[in-house]
Amino acid sequence: MLAILADSSAAAGATAAGWGGMIIWLVVLFAFMYFFMIRPQKKEQQKKTSMLSELAVGDTVLTTSGFYGTVIDIDEDTVIVEFGSNKNCRIPMQKSAISAVEKPEEAE
């Protein structure tokens, strides 16, 4: 009878240790995912948001489709960009379509 009780208590202790180890591994996995996947993506999003908030008329921009242009007018979420040297190609686009901004002072 004592042998049976000792075996069942040892099995219960091993099961509890197994669950504890699994929980620790899950916490480590989520911490790894946060620091290597979620955190860098949030930093990149904040960087893009600050870049678009500092956008001004006269800035040279690179669109996500690869076109370079100059900002002519800015609305809340729309930007009118002038492409080319003929000054006739003005296209309204969303601010989210801008991937890089170069200020006129930086170009000199």
PDB file of N, CA and C in Angstrom:
ATOM      1  N   MET A   1       0.811  -1.187   0.000  1.00  0.00           N
ATOM      2  CA  MET A   1       0.000   0.000   0.000  1.00  0.00           C
ATOM      3  C   MET A   1       0.857   1.255   0.000  1.00  0.00           C
ATOM      4  N   LEU A   2       1.928   1.275   0.783  1.00  0.00           N
ATOM      5  CA  LEU A   2       2.825   2.426   0.812  1.00  0.00           C
ATOM      6  C   LEU A   2       3.561   2.595  -0.514  1.00  0.00           C
ATOM      7  N   ALA A   3       3.873   1.510  -1.162  1.00  0.00           N
ATOM      8  CA  ALA A   3       4.560   1.574  -2.445  1.00  0.00           C
ATOM      9  C   ALA A   3       3.670   2.216  -3.499  1.00  0.00           C
ATOM     10  N   ILE A   4       2.389   1.921  -3.453  1.00  0.00           N
ATOM     11  CA  ILE A   4       1.452   2.496  -4.415  1.00  0.00           C
ATOM     12  C   ILE A   4       1.314   3.997  -4.167  1.00  0.00           C
ATOM     13  N   LEU A   5       1.215   4.427  -2.921  1.00  0.00           N
ATOM     14  CA  LEU A   5       1.114   5.852  -2.598  1.00  0.00           C
ATOM     15  C   LEU A   5       2.389   6.595  -2.980  1.00  0.00           C
ATOM     16  N   ALA A   6       3.528   5.977  -2.789  1.00  0.00           N
ATOM     17  CA  ALA A   6       4.802   6.612  -3.139  1.00  0.00           C
ATOM     18  C   ALA A   6       4.920   6.767  -4.647  1.00  0.00           C
ATOM     19  N   ASP A   7       4.475   5.771  -5.398  1.00  0.00           N
ATOM     20  CA  ASP A   7       4.527   5.857  -6.859  1.00  0.00           C
ATOM     21  C   ASP A   7       3.590   6.938  -7.389  1.00  0.00           C
ATOM     22  N   SER A   8       2.404   7.052  -6.817  1.00  0.00           N
ATOM     23  CA  SER A   8       1.456   8.050  -7.305  1.00  0.00           C
ATOM     24  C   SER A   8       1.910   9.457  -6.955  1.00  0.00           C
ATOM     25  N   SER A   9       2.519   9.660  -5.788  1.00  0.00           N
ATOM     26  CA  SER A   9       3.001  10.997  -5.432  1.00  0.00           C
ATOM     27  C   SER A   9       4.213  11.381  -6.272  1.00  0.00           C
ATOM     28  N   ALA A  10       5.056  10.423  -6.634  1.00  0.00           N
ATOM     29  CA  ALA A  10       6.200  10.701  -7.510  1.00  0.00           C
ATOM     30  C   ALA A  10       5.723  11.060  -8.914  1.00  0.00           C
ATOM     31  N   ALA A  11       4.684  10.370  -9.379  1.00  0.00           N
ATOM     32  CA  ALA A  11       4.132  10.667 -10.703  1.00  0.00           C
ATOM     33  C   ALA A  11       3.494  12.058 -10.710  1.00  0.00           C
ATOM     34  N   ALA A  12       2.813  12.413  -9.633  1.00  0.00           N
ATOM     35  CA  ALA A  12       2.195  13.734  -9.550  1.00  0.00           C
ATOM     36  C   ALA A  12       3.264  14.817  -9.526  1.00  0.00           C
ATOM     37  N   GLY A  13       4.367  14.592  -8.825  1.00  0.00           N
ATOM     38  CA  GLY A  13       5.462  15.563  -8.798  1.00  0.00           C
ATOM     39  C   GLY A  13       6.111  15.712 -10.155  1.00  0.00           C
ATOM     40  N   ALA A  14       6.266  14.623 -10.889  1.00  0.00           N
ATOM     41  CA  ALA A  14       6.854  14.687 -12.226  1.00  0.00           C
ATOM     42  C   ALA A  14       5.936  15.420 -13.190  1.00  0.00           C
ATOM     43  N   THR A  15       4.637  15.223 -13.036  1.00  0.00           N
ATOM     44  CA  THR A  15       3.681  15.916 -13.905  1.00  0.00           C
ATOM     45  C   THR A  15       3.706  17.416 -13.638  1.00  0.00           C
ATOM     46  N   ALA A  16       3.776  17.800 -12.376  1.00  0.00           N
ATOM     47  CA  ALA A  16       3.831  19.222 -12.031  1.00  0.00           C
ATOM     48  C   ALA A  16       5.120  19.849 -12.556  1.00  0.00           C
ATOM     49  N   ALA A  17       6.227  19.121 -12.473  1.00  0.00           N
ATOM     50  CA  ALA A  17       7.490  19.639 -12.994  1.00  0.00           C
ATOM     51  C   ALA A  17       7.435  19.754 -14.512  1.00  0.00           C
ATOM     52  N   GLY A  18       6.750  18.845 -15.172  1.00  0.00           N
ATOM     53  CA  GLY A  18       6.599  18.898 -16.630  1.00  0.00           C
ATOM     54  C   GLY A  18       5.810  20.122 -17.071  1.00  0.00           C
ATOM     55  N   TRP A  19       4.734  20.416 -16.352  1.00  0.00           N
ATOM     56  CA  TRP A  19       3.929  21.594 -16.674  1.00  0.00           C
ATOM     57  C   TRP A  19       4.701  22.878 -16.406  1.00  0.00           C
ATOM     58  N   GLY A  20       5.437  22.906 -15.324  1.00  0.00           N
ATOM     59  CA  GLY A  20       6.225  24.093 -15.003  1.00  0.00           C
ATOM     60  C   GLY A  20       7.285  24.359 -16.060  1.00  0.00           C
ATOM     61  N   GLY A  21       7.940  23.304 -16.503  1.00  0.00           N
ATOM     62  CA  GLY A  21       8.946  23.450 -17.558  1.00  0.00           C
ATOM     63  C   GLY A  21       8.337  23.925 -18.864  1.00  0.00           C
ATOM     64  N   MET A  22       7.146  23.426 -19.185  1.00  0.00           N
ATOM     65  CA  MET A  22       6.484  23.827 -20.423  1.00  0.00           C
ATOM     66  C   MET A  22       6.066  25.300 -20.358  1.00  0.00           C
ATOM     67  N   ILE A  23       5.591  25.736 -19.206  1.00  0.00           N
ATOM     68  CA  ILE A  23       5.197  27.142 -19.053  1.00  0.00           C
ATOM     69  C   ILE A  23       6.416  28.044 -19.191  1.00  0.00           C
ATOM     70  N   ILE A  24       7.536  27.632 -18.618  1.00  0.00           N
ATOM     71  CA  ILE A  24       8.765  28.425 -18.743  1.00  0.00           C
ATOM     72  C   ILE A  24       9.181  28.534 -20.199  1.00  0.00           C
ATOM     73  N   TRP A  25       9.108  27.441 -20.943  1.00  0.00           N
ATOM     74  CA  TRP A  25       9.478  27.476 -22.357  1.00  0.00           C
ATOM     75  C   TRP A  25       8.532  28.362 -23.171  1.00  0.00           C
ATOM     76  N   LEU A  26       7.246  28.350 -22.839  1.00  0.00           N
ATOM     77  CA  LEU A  26       6.296  29.213 -23.535  1.00  0.00           C
ATOM     78  C   LEU A  26       6.593  30.689 -23.266  1.00  0.00           C
ATOM     79  N   VAL A  27       6.933  31.025 -22.027  1.00  0.00           N
ATOM     80  CA  VAL A  27       7.286  32.408 -21.692  1.00  0.00           C
ATOM     81  C   VAL A  27       8.540  32.826 -22.456  1.00  0.00           C
ATOM     82  N   VAL A  28       9.531  31.945 -22.519  1.00  0.00           N
ATOM     83  CA  VAL A  28      10.763  32.240 -23.259  1.00  0.00           C
ATOM     84  C   VAL A  28      10.457  32.426 -24.741  1.00  0.00           C
ATOM     85  N   LEU A  29       9.580  31.586 -25.297  1.00  0.00           N
ATOM     86  CA  LEU A  29       9.214  31.698 -26.712  1.00  0.00           C
ATOM     87  C   LEU A  29       8.522  33.024 -27.001  1.00  0.00           C
ATOM     88  N   PHE A  30       7.575  33.419 -26.161  1.00  0.00           N
ATOM     89  CA  PHE A  30       6.875  34.694 -26.381  1.00  0.00           C
ATOM     90  C   PHE A  30       7.815  35.886 -26.200  1.00  0.00           C
ATOM     91  N   ALA A  31       8.740  35.810 -25.253  1.00  0.00           N
ATOM     92  CA  ALA A  31       9.716  36.890 -25.086  1.00  0.00           C
ATOM     93  C   ALA A  31      10.608  36.998 -26.322  1.00  0.00           C
ATOM     94  N   PHE A  32      11.028  35.864 -26.856  1.00  0.00           N
ATOM     95  CA  PHE A  32      11.845  35.838 -28.073  1.00  0.00           C
ATOM     96  C   PHE A  32      11.083  36.473 -29.239  1.00  0.00           C
ATOM     97  N   MET A  33       9.821  36.090 -29.399  1.00  0.00           N
ATOM     98  CA  MET A  33       9.017  36.640 -30.498  1.00  0.00           C
ATOM     99  C   MET A  33       8.836  38.148 -30.338  1.00  0.00           C
ATOM    100  N   TYR A  34       8.650  38.610 -29.104  1.00  0.00           N
ATOM    101  CA  TYR A  34       8.455  40.041 -28.883  1.00  0.00           C
ATOM    102  C   TYR A  34       9.705  40.824 -29.265  1.00  0.00           C
ATOM    103  N   PHE A  35      10.882  40.386 -28.784  1.00  0.00           N
ATOM    104  CA  PHE A  35      12.098  41.149 -29.005  1.00  0.00           C
ATOM    105  C   PHE A  35      12.646  41.035 -30.421  1.00  0.00           C
ATOM    106  N   PHE A  36      12.328  39.977 -31.144  1.00  0.00           N
ATOM    107  CA  PHE A  36      12.877  39.811 -32.486  1.00  0.00           C
ATOM    108  C   PHE A  36      11.875  40.013 -33.608  1.00  0.00           C
ATOM    109  N   MET A  37      10.592  40.114 -33.283  1.00  0.00           N
ATOM    110  CA  MET A  37       9.603  40.290 -34.350  1.00  0.00           C
ATOM    111  C   MET A  37       8.699  41.497 -34.117  1.00  0.00           C
ATOM    112  N   ILE A  38       8.076  41.581 -32.974  1.00  0.00           N
ATOM    113  CA  ILE A  38       7.074  42.619 -32.734  1.00  0.00           C
ATOM    114  C   ILE A  38       7.718  43.964 -32.459  1.00  0.00           C
ATOM    115  N   ARG A  39       8.721  44.012 -31.599  1.00  0.00           N
ATOM    116  CA  ARG A  39       9.359  45.281 -31.224  1.00  0.00           C
ATOM    117  C   ARG A  39      10.009  45.992 -32.409  1.00  0.00           C
ATOM    118  N   PRO A  40      10.802  45.313 -33.264  1.00  0.00           N
ATOM    119  CA  PRO A  40      11.376  46.017 -34.418  1.00  0.00           C
ATOM    120  C   PRO A  40      10.314  46.526 -35.397  1.00  0.00           C
ATOM    121  N   GLN A  41       9.220  45.779 -35.544  1.00  0.00           N
ATOM    122  CA  GLN A  41       8.162  46.227 -36.436  1.00  0.00           C
ATOM    123  C   GLN A  41       7.494  47.486 -35.894  1.00  0.00           C
ATOM    124  N   LYS A  42       7.287  47.564 -34.590  1.00  0.00           N
ATOM    125  CA  LYS A  42       6.709  48.772 -33.989  1.00  0.00           C
ATOM    126  C   LYS A  42       7.641  49.967 -34.156  1.00  0.00           C
ATOM    127  N   LYS A  43       8.956  49.756 -33.973  1.00  0.00           N
ATOM    128  CA  LYS A  43       9.917  50.853 -34.155  1.00  0.00           C
ATOM    129  C   LYS A  43       9.891  51.352 -35.594  1.00  0.00           C
ATOM    130  N   GLU A  44       9.827  50.454 -36.551  1.00  0.00           N
ATOM    131  CA  GLU A  44       9.786  50.843 -37.959  1.00  0.00           C
ATOM    132  C   GLU A  44       8.511  51.627 -38.263  1.00  0.00           C
ATOM    133  N   GLN A  45       7.387  51.197 -37.701  1.00  0.00           N
ATOM    134  CA  GLN A  45       6.127  51.905 -37.908  1.00  0.00           C
ATOM    135  C   GLN A  45       6.177  53.300 -37.298  1.00  0.00           C
ATOM    136  N   GLN A  46       6.763  53.452 -36.111  1.00  0.00           N
ATOM    137  CA  GLN A  46       6.897  54.769 -35.487  1.00  0.00           C
ATOM    138  C   GLN A  46       7.810  55.669 -36.315  1.00  0.00           C
ATOM    139  N   LYS A  47       8.861  55.105 -36.868  1.00  0.00           N
ATOM    140  CA  LYS A  47       9.788  55.862 -37.700  1.00  0.00           C
ATOM    141  C   LYS A  47       9.085  56.390 -38.956  1.00  0.00           C
ATOM    142  N   LYS A  48       8.267  55.538 -39.588  1.00  0.00           N
ATOM    143  CA  LYS A  48       7.549  55.958 -40.786  1.00  0.00           C
ATOM    144  C   LYS A  48       6.494  57.007 -40.453  1.00  0.00           C
ATOM    145  N   THR A  49       5.817  56.847 -39.326  1.00  0.00           N
ATOM    146  CA  THR A  49       4.808  57.820 -38.913  1.00  0.00           C
ATOM    147  C   THR A  49       5.434  59.183 -38.654  1.00  0.00           C
ATOM    148  N   SER A  50       6.586  59.207 -38.005  1.00  0.00           N
ATOM    149  CA  SER A  50       7.242  60.491 -37.746  1.00  0.00           C
ATOM    150  C   SER A  50       7.762  61.117 -39.043  1.00  0.00           C
ATOM    151  N   MET A  51       8.230  60.281 -39.985  1.00  0.00           N
ATOM    152  CA  MET A  51       8.701  60.783 -41.276  1.00  0.00           C
ATOM    153  C   MET A  51       7.548  61.449 -42.028  1.00  0.00           C
ATOM    154  N   LEU A  52       6.375  60.809 -42.027  1.00  0.00           N
ATOM    155  CA  LEU A  52       5.227  61.366 -42.740  1.00  0.00           C
ATOM    156  C   LEU A  52       4.650  62.588 -42.039  1.00  0.00           C
ATOM    157  N   SER A  53       4.779  62.670 -40.730  1.00  0.00           N
ATOM    158  CA  SER A  53       4.265  63.846 -40.034  1.00  0.00           C
ATOM    159  C   SER A  53       5.157  65.067 -40.269  1.00  0.00           C
ATOM    160  N   GLU A  54       6.438  64.849 -40.560  1.00  0.00           N
ATOM    161  CA  GLU A  54       7.363  65.947 -40.837  1.00  0.00           C
ATOM    162  C   GLU A  54       7.415  66.319 -42.315  1.00  0.00           C
ATOM    163  N   LEU A  55       6.579  65.702 -43.128  1.00  0.00           N
ATOM    164  CA  LEU A  55       6.549  65.976 -44.564  1.00  0.00           C
ATOM    165  C   LEU A  55       6.097  67.410 -44.813  1.00  0.00           C
ATOM    166  N   ALA A  56       6.799  68.100 -45.706  1.00  0.00           N
ATOM    167  CA  ALA A  56       6.475  69.495 -45.998  1.00  0.00           C
ATOM    168  C   ALA A  56       6.483  69.721 -47.509  1.00  0.00           C
ATOM    169  N   VAL A  57       5.861  70.819 -47.928  1.00  0.00           N
ATOM    170  CA  VAL A  57       5.832  71.187 -49.343  1.00  0.00           C
ATOM    171  C   VAL A  57       7.259  71.480 -49.788  1.00  0.00           C
ATOM    172  N   GLY A  58       7.649  70.941 -50.937  1.00  0.00           N
ATOM    173  CA  GLY A  58       8.979  71.153 -51.478  1.00  0.00           C
ATOM    174  C   GLY A  58       9.928  69.990 -51.212  1.00  0.00           C
ATOM    175  N   ASP A  59       9.523  69.024 -50.392  1.00  0.00           N
ATOM    176  CA  ASP A  59      10.365  67.860 -50.122  1.00  0.00           C
ATOM    177  C   ASP A  59      10.373  66.925 -51.330  1.00  0.00           C
ATOM    178  N   THR A  60      11.501  66.286 -51.551  1.00  0.00           N
ATOM    179  CA  THR A  60      11.606  65.260 -52.581  1.00  0.00           C
ATOM    180  C   THR A  60      11.265  63.925 -51.940  1.00  0.00           C
ATOM    181  N   VAL A  61      10.374  63.171 -52.587  1.00  0.00           N
ATOM    182  CA  VAL A  61       9.921  61.903 -52.015  1.00  0.00           C
ATOM    183  C   VAL A  61      10.168  60.762 -52.989  1.00  0.00           C
ATOM    184  N   LEU A  62      10.299  59.581 -52.430  1.00  0.00           N
ATOM    185  CA  LEU A  62      10.377  58.344 -53.198  1.00  0.00           C
ATOM    186  C   LEU A  62       9.123  57.556 -52.861  1.00  0.00           C
ATOM    187  N   THR A  63       8.348  57.186 -53.875  1.00  0.00           N
ATOM    188  CA  THR A  63       7.114  56.444 -53.635  1.00  0.00           C
ATOM    189  C   THR A  63       7.414  54.954 -53.544  1.00  0.00           C
ATOM    190  N   THR A  64       6.437  54.198 -53.081  1.00  0.00           N
ATOM    191  CA  THR A  64       6.609  52.761 -52.968  1.00  0.00           C
ATOM    192  C   THR A  64       6.731  52.094 -54.326  1.00  0.00           C
ATOM    193  N   SER A  65       6.285  52.757 -55.374  1.00  0.00           N
ATOM    194  CA  SER A  65       6.412  52.197 -56.726  1.00  0.00           C
ATOM    195  C   SER A  65       7.732  52.582 -57.384  1.00  0.00           C
ATOM    196  N   GLY A  66       8.558  53.396 -56.715  1.00  0.00           N
ATOM    197  CA  GLY A  66       9.884  53.709 -57.227  1.00  0.00           C
ATOM    198  C   GLY A  66      10.017  55.031 -57.952  1.00  0.00           C
ATOM    199  N   PHE A  67       9.000  55.870 -57.915  1.00  0.00           N
ATOM    200  CA  PHE A  67       9.055  57.164 -58.589  1.00  0.00           C
ATOM    201  C   PHE A  67       9.546  58.245 -57.630  1.00  0.00           C
ATOM    202  N   TYR A  68      10.391  59.146 -58.137  1.00  0.00           N
ATOM    203  CA  TYR A  68      10.841  60.309 -57.373  1.00  0.00           C
ATOM    204  C   TYR A  68       9.992  61.496 -57.777  1.00  0.00           C
ATOM    205  N   GLY A  69       9.612  62.326 -56.821  1.00  0.00           N
ATOM    206  CA  GLY A  69       8.814  63.497 -57.117  1.00  0.00           C
ATOM    207  C   GLY A  69       8.966  64.546 -56.032  1.00  0.00           C
ATOM    208  N   THR A  70       8.334  65.688 -56.271  1.00  0.00           N
ATOM    209  CA  THR A  70       8.377  66.805 -55.335  1.00  0.00           C
ATOM    210  C   THR A  70       6.970  67.063 -54.823  1.00  0.00           C
ATOM    211  N   VAL A  71       6.847  67.266 -53.520  1.00  0.00           N
ATOM    212  CA  VAL A  71       5.539  67.501 -52.906  1.00  0.00           C
ATOM    213  C   VAL A  71       5.075  68.911 -53.250  1.00  0.00           C
ATOM    214  N   ILE A  72       3.848  69.018 -53.764  1.00  0.00           N
ATOM    215  CA  ILE A  72       3.261  70.303 -54.148  1.00  0.00           C
ATOM    216  C   ILE A  72       2.233  70.760 -53.121  1.00  0.00           C
ATOM    217  N   ASP A  73       1.413  69.814 -52.623  1.00  0.00           N
ATOM    218  CA  ASP A  73       0.356  70.158 -51.678  1.00  0.00           C
ATOM    219  C   ASP A  73       0.136  68.978 -50.740  1.00  0.00           C
ATOM    220  N   ILE A  74      -0.277  69.280 -49.497  1.00  0.00           N
ATOM    221  CA  ILE A  74      -0.502  68.241 -48.502  1.00  0.00           C
ATOM    222  C   ILE A  74      -1.877  68.440 -47.875  1.00  0.00           C
ATOM    223  N   ASP A  75      -2.677  67.372 -47.850  1.00  0.00           N
ATOM    224  CA  ASP A  75      -3.933  67.338 -47.101  1.00  0.00           C
ATOM    225  C   ASP A  75      -3.736  66.386 -45.929  1.00  0.00           C
ATOM    226  N   GLU A  76      -4.827  65.983 -45.279  1.00  0.00           N
ATOM    227  CA  GLU A  76      -4.704  65.096 -44.118  1.00  0.00           C
ATOM    228  C   GLU A  76      -4.007  63.785 -44.464  1.00  0.00           C
ATOM    229  N   ASP A  77      -4.550  63.060 -45.416  1.00  0.00           N
ATOM    230  CA  ASP A  77      -3.955  61.777 -45.792  1.00  0.00           C
ATOM    231  C   ASP A  77      -3.631  61.693 -47.278  1.00  0.00           C
ATOM    232  N   THR A  78      -3.721  62.809 -47.973  1.00  0.00           N
ATOM    233  CA  THR A  78      -3.443  62.862 -49.411  1.00  0.00           C
ATOM    234  C   THR A  78      -2.332  63.865 -49.687  1.00  0.00           C
ATOM    235  N   VAL A  79      -1.487  63.541 -50.651  1.00  0.00           N
ATOM    236  CA  VAL A  79      -0.379  64.399 -51.049  1.00  0.00           C
ATOM    237  C   VAL A  79      -0.420  64.534 -52.563  1.00  0.00           C
ATOM    238  N   ILE A  80      -0.191  65.734 -53.076  1.00  0.00           N
ATOM    239  CA  ILE A  80      -0.067  65.924 -54.524  1.00  0.00           C
ATOM    240  C   ILE A  80       1.421  66.032 -54.823  1.00  0.00           C
ATOM    241  N   VAL A  81       1.884  65.116 -55.676  1.00  0.00           N
ATOM    242  CA  VAL A  81       3.301  65.024 -55.992  1.00  0.00           C
ATOM    243  C   VAL A  81       3.496  65.334 -57.466  1.00  0.00           C
ATOM    244  N   GLU A  82       4.525  66.128 -57.759  1.00  0.00           N
ATOM    245  CA  GLU A  82       4.853  66.511 -59.132  1.00  0.00           C
ATOM    246  C   GLU A  82       6.031  65.656 -59.581  1.00  0.00           C
ATOM    247  N   PHE A  83       5.861  64.960 -60.690  1.00  0.00           N
ATOM    248  CA  PHE A  83       6.887  64.068 -61.214  1.00  0.00           C
ATOM    249  C   PHE A  83       7.495  64.656 -62.479  1.00  0.00           C
ATOM    250  N   GLY A  84       8.772  64.424 -62.677  1.00  0.00           N
ATOM    251  CA  GLY A  84       9.427  64.845 -63.914  1.00  0.00           C
ATOM    252  C   GLY A  84       9.776  66.316 -63.925  1.00  0.00           C
ATOM    253  N   SER A  85      10.393  66.736 -65.019  1.00  0.00           N
ATOM    254  CA  SER A  85      10.845  68.119 -65.137  1.00  0.00           C
ATOM    255  C   SER A  85       9.886  68.991 -65.937  1.00  0.00           C
ATOM    256  N   ASN A  86       8.830  68.413 -66.519  1.00  0.00           N
ATOM    257  CA  ASN A  86       7.934  69.204 -67.360  1.00  0.00           C
ATOM    258  C   ASN A  86       6.833  69.913 -66.565  1.00  0.00           C
ATOM    259  N   LYS A  87       6.741  69.688 -65.260  1.00  0.00           N
ATOM    260  CA  LYS A  87       5.807  70.361 -64.352  1.00  0.00           C
ATOM    261  C   LYS A  87       4.340  70.127 -64.705  1.00  0.00           C
ATOM    262  N   ASN A  88       4.038  69.190 -65.591  1.00  0.00           N
ATOM    263  CA  ASN A  88       2.654  68.911 -65.969  1.00  0.00           C
ATOM    264  C   ASN A  88       2.129  67.629 -65.341  1.00  0.00           C
ATOM    265  N   CYS A  89       2.982  66.857 -64.767  1.00  0.00           N
ATOM    266  CA  CYS A  89       2.580  65.568 -64.220  1.00  0.00           C
ATOM    267  C   CYS A  89       2.414  65.685 -62.708  1.00  0.00           C
ATOM    268  N   ARG A  90       1.211  66.014 -62.277  1.00  0.00           N
ATOM    269  CA  ARG A  90       0.895  66.141 -60.854  1.00  0.00           C
ATOM    270  C   ARG A  90      -0.123  65.069 -60.499  1.00  0.00           C
ATOM    271  N   ILE A  91       0.223  64.243 -59.529  1.00  0.00           N
ATOM    272  CA  ILE A  91      -0.615  63.098 -59.188  1.00  0.00           C
ATOM    273  C   ILE A  91      -0.953  63.133 -57.697  1.00  0.00           C
ATOM    274  N   PRO A  92      -2.236  63.068 -57.360  1.00  0.00           N
ATOM    275  CA  PRO A  92      -2.592  62.928 -55.943  1.00  0.00           C
ATOM    276  C   PRO A  92      -2.379  61.481 -55.504  1.00  0.00           C
ATOM    277  N   MET A  93      -1.836  61.300 -54.322  1.00  0.00           N
ATOM    278  CA  MET A  93      -1.618  59.955 -53.797  1.00  0.00           C
ATOM    279  C   MET A  93      -1.748  59.970 -52.290  1.00  0.00           C
ATOM    280  N   GLN A  94      -1.867  58.794 -51.708  1.00  0.00           N
ATOM    281  CA  GLN A  94      -1.957  58.684 -50.259  1.00  0.00           C
ATOM    282  C   GLN A  94      -0.585  58.872 -49.647  1.00  0.00           C
ATOM    283  N   LYS A  95      -0.564  59.406 -48.424  1.00  0.00           N
ATOM    284  CA  LYS A  95       0.710  59.583 -47.722  1.00  0.00           C
ATOM    285  C   LYS A  95       1.389  58.247 -47.475  1.00  0.00           C
ATOM    286  N   SER A  96       0.610  57.206 -47.291  1.00  0.00           N
ATOM    287  CA  SER A  96       1.180  55.887 -47.013  1.00  0.00           C
ATOM    288  C   SER A  96       1.958  55.326 -48.187  1.00  0.00           C
ATOM    289  N   ALA A  97       1.807  55.907 -49.385  1.00  0.00           N
ATOM    290  CA  ALA A  97       2.535  55.446 -50.562  1.00  0.00           C
ATOM    291  C   ALA A  97       3.933  56.039 -50.641  1.00  0.00           C
ATOM    292  N   ILE A  98       4.309  56.866 -49.674  1.00  0.00           N
ATOM    293  CA  ILE A  98       5.648  57.465 -49.650  1.00  0.00           C
ATOM    294  C   ILE A  98       6.552  56.589 -48.805  1.00  0.00           C
ATOM    295  N   SER A  99       7.693  56.196 -49.364  1.00  0.00           N
ATOM    296  CA  SER A  99       8.595  55.317 -48.619  1.00  0.00           C
ATOM    297  C   SER A  99       9.827  56.041 -48.095  1.00  0.00           C
ATOM    298  N   ALA A 100      10.212  57.185 -48.694  1.00  0.00           N
ATOM    299  CA  ALA A 100      11.377  57.929 -48.220  1.00  0.00           C
ATOM    300  C   ALA A 100      11.187  59.408 -48.529  1.00  0.00           C
ATOM    301  N   VAL A 101      11.743  60.249 -47.653  1.00  0.00           N
ATOM    302  CA  VAL A 101      11.647  61.705 -47.814  1.00  0.00           C
ATOM    303  C   VAL A 101      13.044  62.290 -47.730  1.00  0.00           C
ATOM    304  N   GLU A 102      13.330  63.220 -48.663  1.00  0.00           N
ATOM    305  CA  GLU A 102      14.603  63.939 -48.620  1.00  0.00           C
ATOM    306  C   GLU A 102      14.290  65.427 -48.566  1.00  0.00           C
ATOM    307  N   LYS A 103      14.768  66.072 -47.516  1.00  0.00           N
ATOM    308  CA  LYS A 103      14.536  67.505 -47.343  1.00  0.00           C
ATOM    309  C   LYS A 103      15.429  68.274 -48.316  1.00  0.00           C
ATOM    310  N   PRO A 104      15.010  69.468 -48.768  1.00  0.00           N
ATOM    311  CA  PRO A 104      15.840  70.256 -49.699  1.00  0.00           C
ATOM    312  C   PRO A 104      17.191  70.645 -49.098  1.00  0.00           C
ATOM    313  N   GLU A 105      17.281  70.837 -47.775  1.00  0.00           N
ATOM    314  CA  GLU A 105      18.560  71.202 -47.154  1.00  0.00           C
ATOM    315  C   GLU A 105      19.550  70.061 -47.233  1.00  0.00           C
ATOM    316  N   GLU A 106      19.066  68.828 -47.145  1.00  0.00           N
ATOM    317  CA  GLU A 106      19.914  67.644 -47.162  1.00  0.00           C
ATOM    318  C   GLU A 106      20.524  67.401 -48.554  1.00  0.00           C
ATOM    319  N   ALA A 107      19.855  67.860 -49.600  1.00  0.00           N
ATOM    320  CA  ALA A 107      20.302  67.605 -50.962  1.00  0.00           C
ATOM    321  C   ALA A 107      21.525  68.432 -51.329  1.00  0.00           C
ATOM    322  N   GLU A 108      21.704  69.559 -50.673  1.00  0.00           N
ATOM    323  CA  GLU A 108      22.805  70.463 -51.035  1.00  0.00           C
ATOM    324  C   GLU A 108      24.113  69.993 -50.560  1.00  0.00           C
TER     325      GLU A 108
END
